[in-house]
């Protein structure tokens, strides 16, 4: 569990860095003005590169909040 918590923090750090603002797991994507479609793709590409995973487009389109994205990445990293 500690490993997952560290991974969550690392993912949140990537998102914060890309957006240039604080975000939390509870934040909805639609409530983050900086998180437009282009920025979302940049975030996904950075996450894929940094964590060596693939985020399918159907997953990208289904995610509504930061927690869902973080959980997907954590689960993907744990499968490797």
PDB file of N, CA and C in Angstrom:
ATOM      1  N   UNK A   1       0.806  -1.209   0.000  1.00  0.00           N
ATOM      2  CA  UNK A   1       0.000   0.000   0.000  1.00  0.00           C
ATOM      3  C   UNK A   1       0.850   1.274   0.000  1.00  0.00           C
ATOM      4  N   UNK A   2       1.968   1.237   0.703  1.00  0.00           N
ATOM      5  CA  UNK A   2       2.836   2.420   0.732  1.00  0.00           C
ATOM      6  C   UNK A   2       3.372   2.707  -0.664  1.00  0.00           C
ATOM      7  N   UNK A   3       3.645   1.621  -1.411  1.00  0.00           N
ATOM      8  CA  UNK A   3       4.122   1.782  -2.781  1.00  0.00           C
ATOM      9  C   UNK A   3       3.068   2.488  -3.630  1.00  0.00           C
ATOM     10  N   UNK A   4       1.811   2.069  -3.483  1.00  0.00           N
ATOM     11  CA  UNK A   4       0.717   2.700  -4.239  1.00  0.00           C
ATOM     12  C   UNK A   4       0.564   4.166  -3.855  1.00  0.00           C
ATOM     13  N   UNK A   5       0.726   4.472  -2.588  1.00  0.00           N
ATOM     14  CA  UNK A   5       0.591   5.864  -2.129  1.00  0.00           C
ATOM     15  C   UNK A   5       1.697   6.737  -2.725  1.00  0.00           C
ATOM     16  N   UNK A   6       2.920   6.200  -2.761  1.00  0.00           N
ATOM     17  CA  UNK A   6       4.026   6.944  -3.374  1.00  0.00           C
ATOM     18  C   UNK A   6       3.768   7.145  -4.861  1.00  0.00           C
ATOM     19  N   UNK A   7       3.241   6.122  -5.503  1.00  0.00           N
ATOM     20  CA  UNK A   7       2.933   6.211  -6.923  1.00  0.00           C
ATOM     21  C   UNK A   7       1.839   7.250  -7.172  1.00  0.00           C
ATOM     22  N   UNK A   8       0.811   7.251  -6.329  1.00  0.00           N
ATOM     23  CA  UNK A   8      -0.247   8.266  -6.433  1.00  0.00           C
ATOM     24  C   UNK A   8       0.341   9.666  -6.351  1.00  0.00           C
ATOM     25  N   UNK A   9       1.215   9.881  -5.394  1.00  0.00           N
ATOM     26  CA  UNK A   9       1.826  11.200  -5.228  1.00  0.00           C
ATOM     27  C   UNK A   9       2.681  11.585  -6.431  1.00  0.00           C
ATOM     28  N   UNK A  10       3.365  10.603  -6.997  1.00  0.00           N
ATOM     29  CA  UNK A  10       4.185  10.869  -8.173  1.00  0.00           C
ATOM     30  C   UNK A  10       3.302  11.254  -9.375  1.00  0.00           C
ATOM     31  N   UNK A  11       2.192  10.571  -9.532  1.00  0.00           N
ATOM     32  CA  UNK A  11       1.253  10.880 -10.621  1.00  0.00           C
ATOM     33  C   UNK A  11       0.654  12.269 -10.417  1.00  0.00           C
ATOM     34  N   UNK A  12       0.227  12.559  -9.198  1.00  0.00           N
ATOM     35  CA  UNK A  12      -0.310  13.887  -8.895  1.00  0.00           C
ATOM     36  C   UNK A  12       0.736  14.966  -9.157  1.00  0.00           C
ATOM     37  N   UNK A  13       1.975  14.675  -8.855  1.00  0.00           N
ATOM     38  CA  UNK A  13       3.051  15.624  -9.104  1.00  0.00           C
ATOM     39  C   UNK A  13       3.188  15.921 -10.594  1.00  0.00           C
ATOM     40  N   UNK A  14       3.087  14.887 -11.425  1.00  0.00           N
ATOM     41  CA  UNK A  14       3.143  15.081 -12.881  1.00  0.00           C
ATOM     42  C   UNK A  14       1.985  15.976 -13.331  1.00  0.00           C
ATOM     43  N   UNK A  15       0.796  15.693 -12.839  1.00  0.00           N
ATOM     44  CA  UNK A  15      -0.386  16.479 -13.230  1.00  0.00           C
ATOM     45  C   UNK A  15      -0.225  17.925 -12.776  1.00  0.00           C
ATOM     46  N   UNK A  16       0.217  18.128 -11.547  1.00  0.00           N
ATOM     47  CA  UNK A  16       0.423  19.494 -11.026  1.00  0.00           C
ATOM     48  C   UNK A  16       1.457  20.242 -11.865  1.00  0.00           C
ATOM     49  N   UNK A  17       2.538  19.546 -12.188  1.00  0.00           N
ATOM     50  CA  UNK A  17       3.598  20.147 -12.993  1.00  0.00           C
ATOM     51  C   UNK A  17       3.065  20.558 -14.372  1.00  0.00           C
ATOM     52  N   UNK A  18       2.279  19.698 -14.981  1.00  0.00           N
ATOM     53  CA  UNK A  18       1.752  19.972 -16.319  1.00  0.00           C
ATOM     54  C   UNK A  18       0.723  21.106 -16.309  1.00  0.00           C
ATOM     55  N   UNK A  19      -0.049  21.191 -15.227  1.00  0.00           N
ATOM     56  CA  UNK A  19      -1.093  22.220 -15.141  1.00  0.00           C
ATOM     57  C   UNK A  19      -0.589  23.520 -14.520  1.00  0.00           C
ATOM     58  N   UNK A  20       0.486  23.440 -13.762  1.00  0.00           N
ATOM     59  CA  UNK A  20       0.989  24.625 -13.086  1.00  0.00           C
ATOM     60  C   UNK A  20       0.094  25.082 -11.945  1.00  0.00           C
ATOM     61  N   UNK A  21      -0.545  24.115 -11.286  1.00  0.00           N
ATOM     62  CA  UNK A  21      -1.434  24.428 -10.158  1.00  0.00           C
ATOM     63  C   UNK A  21      -1.633  23.207  -9.288  1.00  0.00           C
ATOM     64  N   UNK A  22      -2.182  23.425  -8.119  1.00  0.00           N
ATOM     65  CA  UNK A  22      -2.491  22.325  -7.212  1.00  0.00           C
ATOM     66  C   UNK A  22      -3.700  21.562  -7.719  1.00  0.00           C
ATOM     67  N   UNK A  23      -3.655  20.257  -7.557  1.00  0.00           N
ATOM     68  CA  UNK A  23      -4.821  19.411  -7.828  1.00  0.00           C
ATOM     69  C   UNK A  23      -4.881  18.337  -6.751  1.00  0.00           C
ATOM     70  N   UNK A  24      -6.072  17.816  -6.525  1.00  0.00           N
ATOM     71  CA  UNK A  24      -6.245  16.727  -5.573  1.00  0.00           C
ATOM     72  C   UNK A  24      -7.030  15.611  -6.240  1.00  0.00           C
ATOM     73  N   UNK A  25      -7.070  14.472  -5.600  1.00  0.00           N
ATOM     74  CA  UNK A  25      -7.807  13.333  -6.143  1.00  0.00           C
ATOM     75  C   UNK A  25      -9.290  13.649  -6.320  1.00  0.00           C
ATOM     76  N   UNK A  26      -9.812  14.537  -5.520  1.00  0.00           N
ATOM     77  CA  UNK A  26     -11.238  14.843  -5.556  1.00  0.00           C
ATOM     78  C   UNK A  26     -11.641  15.788  -6.697  1.00  0.00           C
ATOM     79  N   UNK A  27     -10.668  16.413  -7.334  1.00  0.00           N
ATOM     80  CA  UNK A  27     -10.969  17.386  -8.389  1.00  0.00           C
ATOM     81  C   UNK A  27     -11.566  16.725  -9.622  1.00  0.00           C
ATOM     82  N   UNK A  28     -12.631  17.339 -10.124  1.00  0.00           N
ATOM     83  CA  UNK A  28     -13.210  16.916 -11.394  1.00  0.00           C
ATOM     84  C   UNK A  28     -12.490  17.663 -12.508  1.00  0.00           C
ATOM     85  N   UNK A  29     -12.255  16.962 -13.595  1.00  0.00           N
ATOM     86  CA  UNK A  29     -11.538  17.568 -14.717  1.00  0.00           C
ATOM     87  C   UNK A  29     -12.258  18.818 -15.212  1.00  0.00           C
ATOM     88  N   UNK A  30     -13.577  18.768 -15.273  1.00  0.00           N
ATOM     89  CA  UNK A  30     -14.348  19.899 -15.797  1.00  0.00           C
ATOM     90  C   UNK A  30     -14.236  21.150 -14.921  1.00  0.00           C
ATOM     91  N   UNK A  31     -13.807  20.970 -13.666  1.00  0.00           N
ATOM     92  CA  UNK A  31     -13.665  22.107 -12.752  1.00  0.00           C
ATOM     93  C   UNK A  31     -12.269  22.722 -12.753  1.00  0.00           C
ATOM     94  N   UNK A  32     -11.389  22.207 -13.608  1.00  0.00           N
ATOM     95  CA  UNK A  32     -10.015  22.710 -13.684  1.00  0.00           C
ATOM     96  C   UNK A  32      -9.873  23.463 -15.005  1.00  0.00           C
ATOM     97  N   UNK A  33      -9.920  24.799 -14.976  1.00  0.00           N
ATOM     98  CA  UNK A  33      -9.890  25.581 -16.219  1.00  0.00           C
ATOM     99  C   UNK A  33      -8.667  25.302 -17.100  1.00  0.00           C
ATOM    100  N   UNK A  34      -7.538  25.016 -16.481  1.00  0.00           N
ATOM    101  CA  UNK A  34      -6.308  24.769 -17.241  1.00  0.00           C
ATOM    102  C   UNK A  34      -6.333  23.422 -17.973  1.00  0.00           C
ATOM    103  N   UNK A  35      -7.257  22.549 -17.596  1.00  0.00           N
ATOM    104  CA  UNK A  35      -7.306  21.186 -18.120  1.00  0.00           C
ATOM    105  C   UNK A  35      -8.228  21.137 -19.337  1.00  0.00           C
ATOM    106  N   UNK A  36      -7.736  21.639 -20.465  1.00  0.00           N
ATOM    107  CA  UNK A  36      -8.513  21.552 -21.703  1.00  0.00           C
ATOM    108  C   UNK A  36      -8.090  20.284 -22.446  1.00  0.00           C
ATOM    109  N   UNK A  37      -8.656  20.057 -23.629  1.00  0.00           N
ATOM    110  CA  UNK A  37      -8.397  18.806 -24.353  1.00  0.00           C
ATOM    111  C   UNK A  37      -6.918  18.662 -24.743  1.00  0.00           C
ATOM    112  N   UNK A  38      -6.294  19.736 -25.144  1.00  0.00           N
ATOM    113  CA  UNK A  38      -4.880  19.667 -25.513  1.00  0.00           C
ATOM    114  C   UNK A  38      -4.015  19.358 -24.288  1.00  0.00           C
ATOM    115  N   UNK A  39      -4.287  20.040 -23.198  1.00  0.00           N
ATOM    116  CA  UNK A  39      -3.516  19.804 -21.969  1.00  0.00           C
ATOM    117  C   UNK A  39      -3.731  18.370 -21.482  1.00  0.00           C
ATOM    118  N   UNK A  40      -4.952  17.857 -21.625  1.00  0.00           N
ATOM    119  CA  UNK A  40      -5.249  16.487 -21.210  1.00  0.00           C
ATOM    120  C   UNK A  40      -4.387  15.501 -22.008  1.00  0.00           C
ATOM    121  N   UNK A  41      -4.303  15.692 -23.300  1.00  0.00           N
ATOM    122  CA  UNK A  41      -3.470  14.808 -24.119  1.00  0.00           C
ATOM    123  C   UNK A  41      -1.995  14.925 -23.733  1.00  0.00           C
ATOM    124  N   UNK A  42      -1.545  16.125 -23.426  1.00  0.00           N
ATOM    125  CA  UNK A  42      -0.163  16.307 -22.989  1.00  0.00           C
ATOM    126  C   UNK A  42       0.087  15.578 -21.666  1.00  0.00           C
ATOM    127  N   UNK A  43      -0.876  15.651 -20.759  1.00  0.00           N
ATOM    128  CA  UNK A  43      -0.762  14.956 -19.473  1.00  0.00           C
ATOM    129  C   UNK A  43      -0.692  13.449 -19.704  1.00  0.00           C
ATOM    130  N   UNK A  44      -1.573  12.935 -20.544  1.00  0.00           N
ATOM    131  CA  UNK A  44      -1.598  11.498 -20.829  1.00  0.00           C
ATOM    132  C   UNK A  44      -0.280  11.053 -21.465  1.00  0.00           C
ATOM    133  N   UNK A  45       0.208  11.813 -22.425  1.00  0.00           N
ATOM    134  CA  UNK A  45       1.474  11.456 -23.068  1.00  0.00           C
ATOM    135  C   UNK A  45       2.633  11.458 -22.076  1.00  0.00           C
ATOM    136  N   UNK A  46       2.659  12.439 -21.198  1.00  0.00           N
ATOM    137  CA  UNK A  46       3.712  12.500 -20.176  1.00  0.00           C
ATOM    138  C   UNK A  46       3.611  11.312 -19.219  1.00  0.00           C
ATOM    139  N   UNK A  47       2.397  10.973 -18.814  1.00  0.00           N
ATOM    140  CA  UNK A  47       2.193   9.826 -17.927  1.00  0.00           C
ATOM    141  C   UNK A  47       2.615   8.537 -18.623  1.00  0.00           C
ATOM    142  N   UNK A  48       2.224   8.372 -19.882  1.00  0.00           N
ATOM    143  CA  UNK A  48       2.616   7.168 -20.622  1.00  0.00           C
ATOM    144  C   UNK A  48       4.135   7.057 -20.707  1.00  0.00           C
ATOM    145  N   UNK A  49       4.784   8.161 -20.993  1.00  0.00           N
ATOM    146  CA  UNK A  49       6.238   8.163 -21.126  1.00  0.00           C
ATOM    147  C   UNK A  49       6.923   7.906 -19.785  1.00  0.00           C
ATOM    148  N   UNK A  50       6.479   8.585 -18.780  1.00  0.00           N
ATOM    149  CA  UNK A  50       7.157   8.499 -17.480  1.00  0.00           C
ATOM    150  C   UNK A  50       6.940   7.151 -16.797  1.00  0.00           C
ATOM    151  N   UNK A  51       5.734   6.587 -16.943  1.00  0.00           N
ATOM    152  CA  UNK A  51       5.413   5.344 -16.235  1.00  0.00           C
ATOM    153  C   UNK A  51       5.444   4.116 -17.147  1.00  0.00           C
ATOM    154  N   UNK A  52       5.791   4.330 -18.409  1.00  0.00           N
ATOM    155  CA  UNK A  52       5.929   3.226 -19.375  1.00  0.00           C
ATOM    156  C   UNK A  52       4.662   2.376 -19.456  1.00  0.00           C
ATOM    157  N   UNK A  53       3.519   3.073 -19.617  1.00  0.00           N
ATOM    158  CA  UNK A  53       2.232   2.395 -19.764  1.00  0.00           C
ATOM    159  C   UNK A  53       1.533   2.952 -20.993  1.00  0.00           C
ATOM    160  N   UNK A  54       0.436   2.317 -21.363  1.00  0.00           N
ATOM    161  CA  UNK A  54      -0.409   2.807 -22.444  1.00  0.00           C
ATOM    162  C   UNK A  54      -1.783   3.137 -21.870  1.00  0.00           C
ATOM    163  N   UNK A  55      -2.275   4.320 -22.174  1.00  0.00           N
ATOM    164  CA  UNK A  55      -3.614   4.712 -21.749  1.00  0.00           C
ATOM    165  C   UNK A  55      -4.480   4.741 -23.012  1.00  0.00           C
ATOM    166  N   UNK A  56      -5.325   3.722 -23.199  1.00  0.00           N
ATOM    167  CA  UNK A  56      -6.158   3.672 -24.406  1.00  0.00           C
ATOM    168  C   UNK A  56      -7.098   4.880 -24.501  1.00  0.00           C
ATOM    169  N   UNK A  57      -7.404   5.269 -25.717  1.00  0.00           N
ATOM    170  CA  UNK A  57      -8.236   6.446 -25.929  1.00  0.00           C
ATOM    171  C   UNK A  57      -9.618   6.296 -25.296  1.00  0.00           C
ATOM    172  N   UNK A  58     -10.177   5.092 -25.284  1.00  0.00           N
ATOM    173  CA  UNK A  58     -11.488   4.919 -24.653  1.00  0.00           C
ATOM    174  C   UNK A  58     -11.413   5.186 -23.151  1.00  0.00           C
ATOM    175  N   UNK A  59     -10.274   4.866 -22.546  1.00  0.00           N
ATOM    176  CA  UNK A  59     -10.083   5.176 -21.128  1.00  0.00           C
ATOM    177  C   UNK A  59      -9.947   6.681 -20.946  1.00  0.00           C
ATOM    178  N   UNK A  60      -9.158   7.308 -21.798  1.00  0.00           N
ATOM    179  CA  UNK A  60      -8.984   8.759 -21.736  1.00  0.00           C
ATOM    180  C   UNK A  60     -10.348   9.448 -21.788  1.00  0.00           C
ATOM    181  N   UNK A  61     -11.197   9.003 -22.697  1.00  0.00           N
ATOM    182  CA  UNK A  61     -12.512   9.640 -22.891  1.00  0.00           C
ATOM    183  C   UNK A  61     -13.483   9.356 -21.746  1.00  0.00           C
ATOM    184  N   UNK A  62     -13.246   8.290 -20.992  1.00  0.00           N
ATOM    185  CA  UNK A  62     -14.189   7.922 -19.924  1.00  0.00           C
ATOM    186  C   UNK A  62     -13.839   8.530 -18.566  1.00  0.00           C
ATOM    187  N   UNK A  63     -12.652   9.072 -18.426  1.00  0.00           N
ATOM    188  CA  UNK A  63     -12.205   9.607 -17.133  1.00  0.00           C
ATOM    189  C   UNK A  63     -12.818  10.983 -16.887  1.00  0.00           C
ATOM    190  N   UNK A  64     -13.408  11.135 -15.693  1.00  0.00           N
ATOM    191  CA  UNK A  64     -14.076  12.388 -15.331  1.00  0.00           C
ATOM    192  C   UNK A  64     -13.368  13.175 -14.233  1.00  0.00           C
ATOM    193  N   UNK A  65     -12.478  12.497 -13.500  1.00  0.00           N
ATOM    194  CA  UNK A  65     -11.823  13.191 -12.394  1.00  0.00           C
ATOM    195  C   UNK A  65     -10.391  12.693 -12.217  1.00  0.00           C
ATOM    196  N   UNK A  66      -9.658  13.403 -11.418  1.00  0.00           N
ATOM    197  CA  UNK A  66      -8.243  13.103 -11.195  1.00  0.00           C
ATOM    198  C   UNK A  66      -8.090  11.717 -10.577  1.00  0.00           C
ATOM    199  N   UNK A  67      -8.951  11.367  -9.650  1.00  0.00           N
ATOM    200  CA  UNK A  67      -8.855  10.068  -8.976  1.00  0.00           C
ATOM    201  C   UNK A  67      -8.944   8.917  -9.965  1.00  0.00           C
ATOM    202  N   UNK A  68      -9.841   8.990 -10.935  1.00  0.00           N
ATOM    203  CA  UNK A  68      -9.973   7.921 -11.929  1.00  0.00           C
ATOM    204  C   UNK A  68      -8.699   7.762 -12.750  1.00  0.00           C
ATOM    205  N   UNK A  69      -8.089   8.869 -13.126  1.00  0.00           N
ATOM    206  CA  UNK A  69      -6.849   8.813 -13.885  1.00  0.00           C
ATOM    207  C   UNK A  69      -5.730   8.203 -13.038  1.00  0.00           C
ATOM    208  N   UNK A  70      -5.608   8.651 -11.813  1.00  0.00           N
ATOM    209  CA  UNK A  70      -4.571   8.141 -10.917  1.00  0.00           C
ATOM    210  C   UNK A  70      -4.774   6.648 -10.671  1.00  0.00           C
ATOM    211  N   UNK A  71      -6.008   6.223 -10.418  1.00  0.00           N
ATOM    212  CA  UNK A  71      -6.279   4.801 -10.184  1.00  0.00           C
ATOM    213  C   UNK A  71      -5.937   3.962 -11.405  1.00  0.00           C
ATOM    214  N   UNK A  72      -6.246   4.462 -12.599  1.00  0.00           N
ATOM    215  CA  UNK A  72      -5.906   3.724 -13.809  1.00  0.00           C
ATOM    216  C   UNK A  72      -4.391   3.543 -13.918  1.00  0.00           C
ATOM    217  N   UNK A  73      -3.649   4.600 -13.683  1.00  0.00           N
ATOM    218  CA  UNK A  73      -2.190   4.529 -13.789  1.00  0.00           C
ATOM    219  C   UNK A  73      -1.623   3.581 -12.728  1.00  0.00           C
ATOM    220  N   UNK A  74      -2.084   3.690 -11.498  1.00  0.00           N
ATOM    221  CA  UNK A  74      -1.605   2.809 -10.429  1.00  0.00           C
ATOM    222  C   UNK A  74      -1.872   1.350 -10.788  1.00  0.00           C
ATOM    223  N   UNK A  75      -3.093   1.062 -11.242  1.00  0.00           N
ATOM    224  CA  UNK A  75      -3.438  -0.315 -11.604  1.00  0.00           C
ATOM    225  C   UNK A  75      -2.594  -0.797 -12.777  1.00  0.00           C
ATOM    226  N   UNK A  76      -2.362   0.044 -13.744  1.00  0.00           N
ATOM    227  CA  UNK A  76      -1.544  -0.324 -14.903  1.00  0.00           C
ATOM    228  C   UNK A  76      -0.098  -0.612 -14.497  1.00  0.00           C
ATOM    229  N   UNK A  77       0.403   0.186 -13.587  1.00  0.00           N
ATOM    230  CA  UNK A  77       1.792  -0.013 -13.127  1.00  0.00           C
ATOM    231  C   UNK A  77       1.913  -1.287 -12.296  1.00  0.00           C
ATOM    232  N   UNK A  78       0.882  -1.633 -11.563  1.00  0.00           N
ATOM    233  CA  UNK A  78       0.916  -2.838 -10.722  1.00  0.00           C
ATOM    234  C   UNK A  78       0.791  -4.114 -11.545  1.00  0.00           C
ATOM    235  N   UNK A  79       0.253  -4.022 -12.748  1.00  0.00           N
ATOM    236  CA  UNK A  79       0.098  -5.182 -13.624  1.00  0.00           C
ATOM    237  C   UNK A  79       1.415  -5.559 -14.275  1.00  0.00           C
ATOM    238  N   UNK A  80       2.274  -4.562 -14.512  1.00  0.00           N
ATOM    239  CA  UNK A  80       3.542  -4.797 -15.209  1.00  0.00           C
ATOM    240  C   UNK A  80       4.411  -5.786 -14.476  1.00  0.00           C
TER     241      UNK A  80
END
